[in-house]
Amino acid sequence: MSNHNEKGDIVILRQTKPEMCGGTDATLDKSAPKTINSRDIVYFKAFSALGGVPEKGGLEYLSAFAAPAGENTFIFLEKSDCAFRRRDEKDTAWALIKENVLPALADLIKECGLAESNGFHSETHGLPENFGGRVSVKYASGEKISFSNNQSPILSYETGVKAAAFFDRALKCERAPLPDLSALTQIRFSEERKDGGYTKCSLTLNPDGTWTNRKSQCFDPPKVYEGEKQVNAETVAAIKKAVSDCGVLAWEKLPQSEYSYGGEKTLTFVFGGAEVSVKGGRVLPDEISRGFFDIELELVTKN
């Protein structure tokens, strides 16, 4: 069903009927700028099918992320030269680098004309997976770029190749130091809920090399539940793998999400006298954002 109704600056281009199975909803925000002047990126987040030819080594899929992390820059890149339905065959890498590559990324965004699609969003219901993608860029000036389409590629093949090359180069920059996981002595988790309830866990290395998880939970103040459990080496190894694979120790100074999730969660990693604290709800690429939840699940639910 085609429709050109307007609600303020939002033009409804297509809208499915109520309770209709399938169909496409599409909108255009007329207020979304088509030119961005700022070069000060708060975060860049994009993924898209690219439509390359696998037999010729063409890129078929790209996901890229960049954001300032204090004095450093957090970089993520996932790409695939195989068919879109076989993204298990993909290259994934992240790095906390010392170089500020964000102004150069802003120039690339302008060169590729990403703002020209700003404000367009289309969702075709019933698709088994996202055959298109989404771009989200936020600038310190308040300017934003946001567009999406889950039915077809949102980045041109040429743009995908340029972006992949840019992020490949960024991943080769000098890396900022991060604590060595072999020196980890404790992981603490805390959740403070708006109703006054809380959950606190501390997974601590014992002198004999074993680990103990101590838990304190309050669901109905002032009643508190306390518990203690020995944690096996396999569980600790799984937690460390999540930290390493998802780059959790590099998240500490990433920008916070604009959306509230009902409570404040924090993971703190202790290395002797040094600590790294990561709050939940950081802006991250979807592919590695699960890292926080995976660790929380092990500490709170499984143990």
C-alpha atoms as a PDB file:
ATOM      1  CA  MET A   1       0.000   0.000   0.000  1.00  0.00           C
ATOM      2  CA  SER A   2       1.530   3.312  -1.089  1.00  0.00           C
ATOM      3  CA  ASN A   3       0.875   6.365   1.004  1.00  0.00           C
ATOM      4  CA  HIS A   4       2.289   9.885   1.143  1.00  0.00           C
ATOM      5  CA  ASN A   5       0.720  11.066   4.382  1.00  0.00           C
ATOM      6  CA  GLU A   6       2.763  13.521   6.396  1.00  0.00           C
ATOM      7  CA  LYS A   7       3.145  13.781  10.165  1.00  0.00           C
ATOM      8  CA  GLY A   8       5.220  16.903  10.755  1.00  0.00           C
ATOM      9  CA  ASP A   9       8.567  16.304   9.071  1.00  0.00           C
ATOM     10  CA  ILE A  10       7.925  12.550   8.656  1.00  0.00           C
ATOM     11  CA  VAL A  11       6.511  11.466   5.304  1.00  0.00           C
ATOM     12  CA  ILE A  12       4.891   8.029   5.271  1.00  0.00           C
ATOM     13  CA  LEU A  13       5.877   6.562   1.903  1.00  0.00           C
ATOM     14  CA  ARG A  14       4.428   3.094   2.427  1.00  0.00           C
ATOM     15  CA  GLN A  15       2.370   1.643   5.243  1.00  0.00           C
ATOM     16  CA  THR A  16       0.967  -1.821   5.792  1.00  0.00           C
ATOM     17  CA  LYS A  17      -2.637  -2.259   6.794  1.00  0.00           C
ATOM     18  CA  PRO A  18      -3.349  -3.139  10.445  1.00  0.00           C
ATOM     19  CA  GLU A  19      -2.803  -6.866  11.187  1.00  0.00           C
ATOM     20  CA  MET A  20      -1.496  -7.387   7.663  1.00  0.00           C
ATOM     21  CA  CYS A  21       1.049 -10.193   7.303  1.00  0.00           C
ATOM     22  CA  GLY A  22       4.109  -9.011   5.388  1.00  0.00           C
ATOM     23  CA  GLY A  23       4.299  -5.802   3.419  1.00  0.00           C
ATOM     24  CA  THR A  24       6.627  -2.816   3.677  1.00  0.00           C
ATOM     25  CA  ASP A  25       6.640   0.229   5.936  1.00  0.00           C
ATOM     26  CA  ALA A  26       8.733   3.142   4.694  1.00  0.00           C
ATOM     27  CA  THR A  27       9.188   6.683   5.985  1.00  0.00           C
ATOM     28  CA  LEU A  28      11.258   9.741   5.111  1.00  0.00           C
ATOM     29  CA  ASP A  29      12.284  12.391   7.608  1.00  0.00           C
ATOM     30  CA  LYS A  30      12.315  15.617   5.591  1.00  0.00           C
ATOM     31  CA  SER A  31      14.208  17.431   8.360  1.00  0.00           C
ATOM     32  CA  ALA A  32      17.209  15.070   8.129  1.00  0.00           C
ATOM     33  CA  PRO A  33      20.123  17.097   6.704  1.00  0.00           C
ATOM     34  CA  LYS A  34      21.642  16.081   3.366  1.00  0.00           C
ATOM     35  CA  THR A  35      24.906  17.854   4.163  1.00  0.00           C
ATOM     36  CA  ILE A  36      26.904  17.417   7.364  1.00  0.00           C
ATOM     37  CA  ASN A  37      29.443  20.089   8.293  1.00  0.00           C
ATOM     38  CA  SER A  38      30.937  18.554  11.433  1.00  0.00           C
ATOM     39  CA  ARG A  39      34.032  16.320  11.383  1.00  0.00           C
ATOM     40  CA  ASP A  40      33.720  15.499  15.091  1.00  0.00           C
ATOM     41  CA  ILE A  41      32.177  12.015  15.179  1.00  0.00           C
ATOM     42  CA  VAL A  42      30.638  10.672  18.405  1.00  0.00           C
ATOM     43  CA  TYR A  43      30.139   7.265  16.797  1.00  0.00           C
ATOM     44  CA  PHE A  44      29.875   5.634  13.386  1.00  0.00           C
ATOM     45  CA  LYS A  45      27.916   2.408  13.029  1.00  0.00           C
ATOM     46  CA  ALA A  46      27.057   0.771   9.713  1.00  0.00           C
ATOM     47  CA  PHE A  47      26.348  -2.612   8.198  1.00  0.00           C
ATOM     48  CA  SER A  48      25.147  -3.594   4.761  1.00  0.00           C
ATOM     49  CA  ALA A  49      24.952  -6.338   2.226  1.00  0.00           C
ATOM     50  CA  LEU A  50      27.047  -5.224  -0.746  1.00  0.00           C
ATOM     51  CA  GLY A  51      26.175  -7.484  -3.627  1.00  0.00           C
ATOM     52  CA  GLY A  52      29.727  -8.424  -4.583  1.00  0.00           C
ATOM     53  CA  VAL A  53      30.538 -11.452  -6.713  1.00  0.00           C
ATOM     54  CA  PRO A  54      31.956 -14.149  -4.380  1.00  0.00           C
ATOM     55  CA  GLU A  55      33.644 -16.045  -7.219  1.00  0.00           C
ATOM     56  CA  LYS A  56      35.666 -12.929  -8.027  1.00  0.00           C
ATOM     57  CA  GLY A  57      36.526 -12.135  -4.422  1.00  0.00           C
ATOM     58  CA  GLY A  58      33.993  -9.336  -4.198  1.00  0.00           C
ATOM     59  CA  LEU A  59      32.789  -8.102  -0.819  1.00  0.00           C
ATOM     60  CA  GLU A  60      29.363  -9.443   0.050  1.00  0.00           C
ATOM     61  CA  TYR A  61      28.916  -8.001   3.532  1.00  0.00           C
ATOM     62  CA  LEU A  62      30.423  -5.262   5.679  1.00  0.00           C
ATOM     63  CA  SER A  63      29.898  -4.125   9.264  1.00  0.00           C
ATOM     64  CA  ALA A  64      32.016  -1.282  10.633  1.00  0.00           C
ATOM     65  CA  PHE A  65      32.101   0.755  13.827  1.00  0.00           C
ATOM     66  CA  ALA A  66      34.234   3.572  15.186  1.00  0.00           C
ATOM     67  CA  ALA A  67      34.009   5.786  18.249  1.00  0.00           C
ATOM     68  CA  PRO A  68      36.301   7.812  20.491  1.00  0.00           C
ATOM     69  CA  ALA A  69      37.340   6.018  23.677  1.00  0.00           C
ATOM     70  CA  GLY A  70      38.975   8.690  25.794  1.00  0.00           C
ATOM     71  CA  GLU A  71      42.255   9.623  24.111  1.00  0.00           C
ATOM     72  CA  ASN A  72      42.018   6.528  21.883  1.00  0.00           C
ATOM     73  CA  THR A  73      39.683   5.227  19.177  1.00  0.00           C
ATOM     74  CA  PHE A  74      37.757   1.967  19.215  1.00  0.00           C
ATOM     75  CA  ILE A  75      37.567   0.292  15.801  1.00  0.00           C
ATOM     76  CA  PHE A  76      35.538  -2.735  14.693  1.00  0.00           C
ATOM     77  CA  LEU A  77      35.348  -4.389  11.277  1.00  0.00           C
ATOM     78  CA  GLU A  78      33.531  -7.476  10.072  1.00  0.00           C
ATOM     79  CA  LYS A  79      33.511  -8.376   6.399  1.00  0.00           C
ATOM     80  CA  SER A  80      32.735 -11.332   4.214  1.00  0.00           C
ATOM     81  CA  ASP A  81      33.556 -12.293   0.659  1.00  0.00           C
ATOM     82  CA  CYS A  82      31.073 -15.165   0.757  1.00  0.00           C
ATOM     83  CA  ALA A  83      27.350 -15.316   0.107  1.00  0.00           C
ATOM     84  CA  PHE A  84      25.219 -13.259   2.500  1.00  0.00           C
ATOM     85  CA  ARG A  85      23.539 -16.348   3.902  1.00  0.00           C
ATOM     86  CA  ARG A  86      26.916 -17.796   4.909  1.00  0.00           C
ATOM     87  CA  ARG A  87      28.220 -15.024   7.123  1.00  0.00           C
ATOM     88  CA  ASP A  88      29.749 -17.601   9.443  1.00  0.00           C
ATOM     89  CA  GLU A  89      32.641 -17.381   6.970  1.00  0.00           C
ATOM     90  CA  LYS A  90      33.640 -13.845   7.879  1.00  0.00           C
ATOM     91  CA  ASP A  91      36.626 -11.896   9.118  1.00  0.00           C
ATOM     92  CA  THR A  92      36.077 -10.055  12.392  1.00  0.00           C
ATOM     93  CA  ALA A  93      38.518  -7.769  14.199  1.00  0.00           C
ATOM     94  CA  TRP A  94      38.503  -4.978  16.777  1.00  0.00           C
ATOM     95  CA  ALA A  95      41.207  -2.707  18.159  1.00  0.00           C
ATOM     96  CA  LEU A  96      41.724   0.161  20.567  1.00  0.00           C
ATOM     97  CA  ILE A  97      44.111   2.392  18.645  1.00  0.00           C
ATOM     98  CA  LYS A  98      46.025   5.511  19.652  1.00  0.00           C
ATOM     99  CA  GLU A  99      45.375   7.414  16.434  1.00  0.00           C
ATOM    100  CA  ASN A 100      42.290   9.587  16.006  1.00  0.00           C
ATOM    101  CA  VAL A 101      41.032   8.443  12.593  1.00  0.00           C
ATOM    102  CA  LEU A 102      37.555   9.936  13.060  1.00  0.00           C
ATOM    103  CA  PRO A 103      38.100  13.225  11.149  1.00  0.00           C
ATOM    104  CA  ALA A 104      39.370  11.182   8.187  1.00  0.00           C
ATOM    105  CA  LEU A 105      36.306   8.927   8.532  1.00  0.00           C
ATOM    106  CA  ALA A 106      34.094  12.031   8.452  1.00  0.00           C
ATOM    107  CA  ASP A 107      35.773  13.017   5.179  1.00  0.00           C
ATOM    108  CA  LEU A 108      35.088   9.548   3.765  1.00  0.00           C
ATOM    109  CA  ILE A 109      31.433   9.800   4.788  1.00  0.00           C
ATOM    110  CA  LYS A 110      31.201  13.073   2.865  1.00  0.00           C
ATOM    111  CA  GLU A 111      33.107  11.675  -0.130  1.00  0.00           C
ATOM    112  CA  CYS A 112      30.712   8.719  -0.355  1.00  0.00           C
ATOM    113  CA  GLY A 113      27.632  10.924   0.024  1.00  0.00           C
ATOM    114  CA  LEU A 114      26.074   8.971   2.895  1.00  0.00           C
ATOM    115  CA  ALA A 115      24.033  11.959   4.060  1.00  0.00           C
ATOM    116  CA  GLU A 116      22.148  11.929   0.756  1.00  0.00           C
ATOM    117  CA  SER A 117      20.094   8.971   2.065  1.00  0.00           C
ATOM    118  CA  ASN A 118      19.576  10.534   5.483  1.00  0.00           C
ATOM    119  CA  GLY A 119      16.139  10.052   7.027  1.00  0.00           C
ATOM    120  CA  PHE A 120      14.943   7.161   4.846  1.00  0.00           C
ATOM    121  CA  HIS A 121      13.843   3.985   6.626  1.00  0.00           C
ATOM    122  CA  SER A 122      12.188   0.966   5.068  1.00  0.00           C
ATOM    123  CA  GLU A 123      11.236  -2.330   6.686  1.00  0.00           C
ATOM    124  CA  THR A 124       9.815  -5.257   4.754  1.00  0.00           C
ATOM    125  CA  HIS A 125       8.152  -7.633   7.181  1.00  0.00           C
ATOM    126  CA  GLY A 126       8.630 -11.384   7.103  1.00  0.00           C
ATOM    127  CA  LEU A 127      12.167 -11.496   5.684  1.00  0.00           C
ATOM    128  CA  PRO A 128      14.262 -14.349   7.148  1.00  0.00           C
ATOM    129  CA  GLU A 129      17.233 -11.995   7.628  1.00  0.00           C
ATOM    130  CA  ASN A 130      18.356  -8.463   6.890  1.00  0.00           C
ATOM    131  CA  PHE A 131      19.255  -8.326   3.191  1.00  0.00           C
ATOM    132  CA  GLY A 132      20.066  -4.628   3.429  1.00  0.00           C
ATOM    133  CA  GLY A 133      21.471  -2.754   6.399  1.00  0.00           C
ATOM    134  CA  ARG A 134      21.546   0.353   8.544  1.00  0.00           C
ATOM    135  CA  VAL A 135      23.778   3.402   8.933  1.00  0.00           C
ATOM    136  CA  SER A 136      23.868   5.487  12.132  1.00  0.00           C
ATOM    137  CA  VAL A 137      26.316   8.348  12.613  1.00  0.00           C
ATOM    138  CA  LYS A 138      26.230  10.891  15.416  1.00  0.00           C
ATOM    139  CA  TYR A 139      28.315  14.068  15.533  1.00  0.00           C
ATOM    140  CA  ALA A 140      29.297  16.247  18.490  1.00  0.00           C
ATOM    141  CA  SER A 141      27.421  19.114  16.799  1.00  0.00           C
ATOM    142  CA  GLY A 142      24.165  17.200  17.260  1.00  0.00           C
ATOM    143  CA  GLU A 143      23.947  16.386  13.553  1.00  0.00           C
ATOM    144  CA  LYS A 144      23.015  12.811  12.696  1.00  0.00           C
ATOM    145  CA  ILE A 145      22.874  10.472   9.728  1.00  0.00           C
ATOM    146  CA  SER A 146      20.393   7.613   9.928  1.00  0.00           C
ATOM    147  CA  PHE A 147      18.933   5.425   7.188  1.00  0.00           C
ATOM    148  CA  SER A 148      18.008   1.784   6.745  1.00  0.00           C
ATOM    149  CA  ASN A 149      16.441  -0.782   4.442  1.00  0.00           C
ATOM    150  CA  ASN A 150      16.230  -4.495   5.279  1.00  0.00           C
ATOM    151  CA  GLN A 151      15.325  -5.561   1.731  1.00  0.00           C
ATOM    152  CA  SER A 152      18.288  -4.417  -0.370  1.00  0.00           C
ATOM    153  CA  PRO A 153      21.849  -3.062   0.097  1.00  0.00           C
ATOM    154  CA  ILE A 154      22.025   0.464   1.496  1.00  0.00           C
ATOM    155  CA  LEU A 155      25.697   0.994   0.622  1.00  0.00           C
ATOM    156  CA  SER A 156      27.037   0.832  -2.906  1.00  0.00           C
ATOM    157  CA  TYR A 157      29.692  -1.755  -3.621  1.00  0.00           C
ATOM    158  CA  GLU A 158      32.228   1.022  -4.215  1.00  0.00           C
ATOM    159  CA  THR A 159      31.431   2.610  -0.844  1.00  0.00           C
ATOM    160  CA  GLY A 160      31.757  -0.768   0.866  1.00  0.00           C
ATOM    161  CA  VAL A 161      35.191  -1.330  -0.663  1.00  0.00           C
ATOM    162  CA  LYS A 162      36.382   2.133   0.402  1.00  0.00           C
ATOM    163  CA  ALA A 163      35.057   1.639   3.928  1.00  0.00           C
ATOM    164  CA  ALA A 164      36.660  -1.803   4.234  1.00  0.00           C
ATOM    165  CA  ALA A 165      40.022  -0.399   3.103  1.00  0.00           C
ATOM    166  CA  PHE A 166      39.741   2.506   5.555  1.00  0.00           C
ATOM    167  CA  PHE A 167      38.975   0.246   8.517  1.00  0.00           C
ATOM    168  CA  ASP A 168      41.639  -2.276   7.498  1.00  0.00           C
ATOM    169  CA  ARG A 169      44.194   0.537   7.637  1.00  0.00           C
ATOM    170  CA  ALA A 170      42.860   1.762  10.984  1.00  0.00           C
ATOM    171  CA  LEU A 171      43.194  -1.712  12.492  1.00  0.00           C
ATOM    172  CA  LYS A 172      46.908  -1.617  11.667  1.00  0.00           C
ATOM    173  CA  CYS A 173      47.511   1.571  13.690  1.00  0.00           C
ATOM    174  CA  GLU A 174      49.442   1.460  16.953  1.00  0.00           C
ATOM    175  CA  ARG A 175      47.305  -0.077  19.672  1.00  0.00           C
ATOM    176  CA  ALA A 176      46.629   1.365  23.092  1.00  0.00           C
ATOM    177  CA  PRO A 177      47.686  -0.922  25.956  1.00  0.00           C
ATOM    178  CA  LEU A 178      45.067  -3.016  27.731  1.00  0.00           C
ATOM    179  CA  PRO A 179      45.438  -5.132  30.887  1.00  0.00           C
ATOM    180  CA  ASP A 180      46.617  -8.725  30.470  1.00  0.00           C
ATOM    181  CA  LEU A 181      43.746 -11.119  31.202  1.00  0.00           C
ATOM    182  CA  SER A 182      46.193 -13.579  32.765  1.00  0.00           C
ATOM    183  CA  ALA A 183      46.597 -11.063  35.624  1.00  0.00           C
ATOM    184  CA  LEU A 184      42.840 -10.905  36.338  1.00  0.00           C
ATOM    185  CA  THR A 185      42.049 -11.403  40.033  1.00  0.00           C
ATOM    186  CA  GLN A 186      38.408 -10.373  40.299  1.00  0.00           C
ATOM    187  CA  ILE A 187      35.292  -9.478  38.280  1.00  0.00           C
ATOM    188  CA  ARG A 188      32.526  -7.517  39.975  1.00  0.00           C
ATOM    189  CA  PHE A 189      29.011  -7.003  38.601  1.00  0.00           C
ATOM    190  CA  SER A 190      26.450  -4.594  39.991  1.00  0.00           C
ATOM    191  CA  GLU A 191      22.952  -3.622  38.956  1.00  0.00           C
ATOM    192  CA  GLU A 192      21.094  -0.805  40.685  1.00  0.00           C
ATOM    193  CA  ARG A 193      17.374  -0.843  39.887  1.00  0.00           C
ATOM    194  CA  LYS A 194      15.019   2.121  40.081  1.00  0.00           C
ATOM    195  CA  ASP A 195      12.771   0.343  42.612  1.00  0.00           C
ATOM    196  CA  GLY A 196      15.635   0.177  45.111  1.00  0.00           C
ATOM    197  CA  GLY A 197      16.510  -3.418  44.327  1.00  0.00           C
ATOM    198  CA  TYR A 198      19.980  -4.515  43.320  1.00  0.00           C
ATOM    199  CA  THR A 199      22.227  -7.396  42.329  1.00  0.00           C
ATOM    200  CA  LYS A 200      25.904  -7.578  43.250  1.00  0.00           C
ATOM    201  CA  CYS A 201      28.344 -10.342  42.322  1.00  0.00           C
ATOM    202  CA  SER A 202      32.072 -10.745  42.835  1.00  0.00           C
ATOM    203  CA  LEU A 203      34.001 -13.530  41.137  1.00  0.00           C
ATOM    204  CA  THR A 204      37.319 -13.716  43.005  1.00  0.00           C
ATOM    205  CA  LEU A 205      40.518 -15.666  42.462  1.00  0.00           C
ATOM    206  CA  ASN A 206      41.469 -17.620  45.585  1.00  0.00           C
ATOM    207  CA  PRO A 207      45.087 -18.248  46.744  1.00  0.00           C
ATOM    208  CA  ASP A 208      44.831 -21.897  45.647  1.00  0.00           C
ATOM    209  CA  GLY A 209      43.922 -20.907  42.067  1.00  0.00           C
ATOM    210  CA  THR A 210      40.199 -21.640  42.359  1.00  0.00           C
ATOM    211  CA  TRP A 211      37.469 -19.024  41.875  1.00  0.00           C
ATOM    212  CA  THR A 212      34.516 -18.140  44.107  1.00  0.00           C
ATOM    213  CA  ASN A 213      31.406 -16.199  43.089  1.00  0.00           C
ATOM    214  CA  ARG A 214      29.700 -14.309  45.938  1.00  0.00           C
ATOM    215  CA  LYS A 215      26.249 -12.934  45.211  1.00  0.00           C
ATOM    216  CA  SER A 216      23.949 -10.488  46.989  1.00  0.00           C
ATOM    217  CA  GLN A 217      20.479  -9.718  45.614  1.00  0.00           C
ATOM    218  CA  CYS A 218      17.578  -7.583  46.788  1.00  0.00           C
ATOM    219  CA  PHE A 219      14.292  -7.908  44.902  1.00  0.00           C
ATOM    220  CA  ASP A 220      11.911  -6.649  47.597  1.00  0.00           C
ATOM    221  CA  PRO A 221      13.705  -4.205  49.918  1.00  0.00           C
ATOM    222  CA  PRO A 222      14.841  -4.616  52.608  1.00  0.00           C
ATOM    223  CA  LYS A 223      15.075  -8.419  52.225  1.00  0.00           C
ATOM    224  CA  VAL A 224      18.472  -9.527  50.892  1.00  0.00           C
ATOM    225  CA  TYR A 225      19.515 -12.912  49.503  1.00  0.00           C
ATOM    226  CA  GLU A 226      23.146 -13.970  49.889  1.00  0.00           C
ATOM    227  CA  GLY A 227      24.933 -16.825  48.147  1.00  0.00           C
ATOM    228  CA  GLU A 228      28.382 -18.234  47.466  1.00  0.00           C
ATOM    229  CA  LYS A 229      29.505 -20.788  44.901  1.00  0.00           C
ATOM    230  CA  GLN A 230      32.746 -22.234  43.620  1.00  0.00           C
ATOM    231  CA  VAL A 231      33.182 -21.634  39.890  1.00  0.00           C
ATOM    232  CA  ASN A 232      34.970 -24.160  37.691  1.00  0.00           C
ATOM    233  CA  ALA A 233      37.865 -23.386  35.376  1.00  0.00           C
ATOM    234  CA  GLU A 234      35.727 -23.883  32.252  1.00  0.00           C
ATOM    235  CA  THR A 235      33.333 -21.113  33.321  1.00  0.00           C
ATOM    236  CA  VAL A 236      36.181 -18.704  34.058  1.00  0.00           C
ATOM    237  CA  ALA A 237      37.731 -19.550  30.676  1.00  0.00           C
ATOM    238  CA  ALA A 238      34.378 -18.852  28.969  1.00  0.00           C
ATOM    239  CA  ILE A 239      34.139 -15.465  30.680  1.00  0.00           C
ATOM    240  CA  LYS A 240      37.689 -14.535  29.705  1.00  0.00           C
ATOM    241  CA  LYS A 241      36.941 -15.598  26.118  1.00  0.00           C
ATOM    242  CA  ALA A 242      33.915 -13.277  26.018  1.00  0.00           C
ATOM    243  CA  VAL A 243      36.070 -10.435  27.353  1.00  0.00           C
ATOM    244  CA  SER A 244      38.759 -11.080  24.749  1.00  0.00           C
ATOM    245  CA  ASP A 245      36.553 -11.789  21.714  1.00  0.00           C
ATOM    246  CA  CYS A 246      34.319  -8.771  22.292  1.00  0.00           C
ATOM    247  CA  GLY A 247      37.016  -6.341  23.440  1.00  0.00           C
ATOM    248  CA  VAL A 248      35.191  -5.574  26.697  1.00  0.00           C
ATOM    249  CA  LEU A 249      38.273  -4.075  28.378  1.00  0.00           C
ATOM    250  CA  ALA A 250      38.358  -1.440  25.624  1.00  0.00           C
ATOM    251  CA  TRP A 251      34.760  -0.300  26.251  1.00  0.00           C
ATOM    252  CA  GLU A 252      35.369   1.765  29.384  1.00  0.00           C
ATOM    253  CA  LYS A 253      35.301   5.198  27.708  1.00  0.00           C
ATOM    254  CA  LEU A 254      33.011   4.511  24.755  1.00  0.00           C
ATOM    255  CA  PRO A 255      29.960   6.799  24.409  1.00  0.00           C
ATOM    256  CA  GLN A 256      26.886   5.855  26.388  1.00  0.00           C
ATOM    257  CA  SER A 257      23.668   4.932  24.606  1.00  0.00           C
ATOM    258  CA  GLU A 258      20.906   7.530  24.574  1.00  0.00           C
ATOM    259  CA  TYR A 259      18.388   4.885  25.586  1.00  0.00           C
ATOM    260  CA  SER A 260      17.727   3.887  29.209  1.00  0.00           C
ATOM    261  CA  TYR A 261      17.299   0.219  30.089  1.00  0.00           C
ATOM    262  CA  GLY A 262      15.640   0.618  33.482  1.00  0.00           C
ATOM    263  CA  GLY A 263      18.701   0.225  35.723  1.00  0.00           C
ATOM    264  CA  GLU A 264      22.403   0.926  35.912  1.00  0.00           C
ATOM    265  CA  LYS A 265      24.723  -2.032  35.331  1.00  0.00           C
ATOM    266  CA  THR A 266      28.504  -2.067  35.770  1.00  0.00           C
ATOM    267  CA  LEU A 267      31.225  -4.661  35.231  1.00  0.00           C
ATOM    268  CA  THR A 268      34.537  -4.049  36.998  1.00  0.00           C
ATOM    269  CA  PHE A 269      37.668  -6.038  36.187  1.00  0.00           C
ATOM    270  CA  VAL A 270      40.457  -6.035  38.785  1.00  0.00           C
ATOM    271  CA  PHE A 271      44.118  -6.629  37.930  1.00  0.00           C
ATOM    272  CA  GLY A 272      46.066  -6.356  41.157  1.00  0.00           C
ATOM    273  CA  GLY A 273      45.740  -2.674  42.032  1.00  0.00           C
ATOM    274  CA  ALA A 274      44.337  -1.615  38.649  1.00  0.00           C
ATOM    275  CA  GLU A 275      40.658  -1.632  37.691  1.00  0.00           C
ATOM    276  CA  VAL A 276      38.662  -1.271  34.484  1.00  0.00           C
ATOM    277  CA  SER A 277      34.961  -0.405  34.923  1.00  0.00           C
ATOM    278  CA  VAL A 278      32.502  -0.745  32.060  1.00  0.00           C
ATOM    279  CA  LYS A 279      28.934   0.499  32.318  1.00  0.00           C
ATOM    280  CA  GLY A 280      26.151  -1.287  30.477  1.00  0.00           C
ATOM    281  CA  GLY A 281      24.477   0.421  27.549  1.00  0.00           C
ATOM    282  CA  ARG A 282      27.600   1.538  25.702  1.00  0.00           C
ATOM    283  CA  VAL A 283      27.195   2.252  21.981  1.00  0.00           C
ATOM    284  CA  LEU A 284      28.655  -0.807  20.229  1.00  0.00           C
ATOM    285  CA  PRO A 285      28.399  -2.835  17.037  1.00  0.00           C
ATOM    286  CA  ASP A 286      25.708  -5.493  17.422  1.00  0.00           C
ATOM    287  CA  GLU A 287      28.177  -8.285  16.699  1.00  0.00           C
ATOM    288  CA  ILE A 288      30.084  -7.826  19.971  1.00  0.00           C
ATOM    289  CA  SER A 289      27.608  -5.986  22.215  1.00  0.00           C
ATOM    290  CA  ARG A 290      26.538  -9.380  23.631  1.00  0.00           C
ATOM    291  CA  GLY A 291      29.833  -9.568  25.568  1.00  0.00           C
ATOM    292  CA  PHE A 292      28.457  -7.663  28.577  1.00  0.00           C
ATOM    293  CA  PHE A 293      25.325  -9.819  28.757  1.00  0.00           C
ATOM    294  CA  ASP A 294      27.290 -13.059  28.367  1.00  0.00           C
ATOM    295  CA  ILE A 295      29.419 -12.193  31.408  1.00  0.00           C
ATOM    296  CA  GLU A 296      26.398 -11.006  33.394  1.00  0.00           C
ATOM    297  CA  LEU A 297      24.618 -14.276  32.580  1.00  0.00           C
ATOM    298  CA  GLU A 298      27.501 -16.372  33.892  1.00  0.00           C
ATOM    299  CA  LEU A 299      27.811 -14.382  37.128  1.00  0.00           C
ATOM    300  CA  VAL A 300      24.161 -13.757  37.949  1.00  0.00           C
ATOM    301  CA  THR A 301      22.112 -16.601  36.472  1.00  0.00           C
ATOM    302  CA  LYS A 302      24.344 -19.624  35.955  1.00  0.00           C
ATOM    303  CA  ASN A 303      26.445 -19.242  39.069  1.00  0.00           C
END
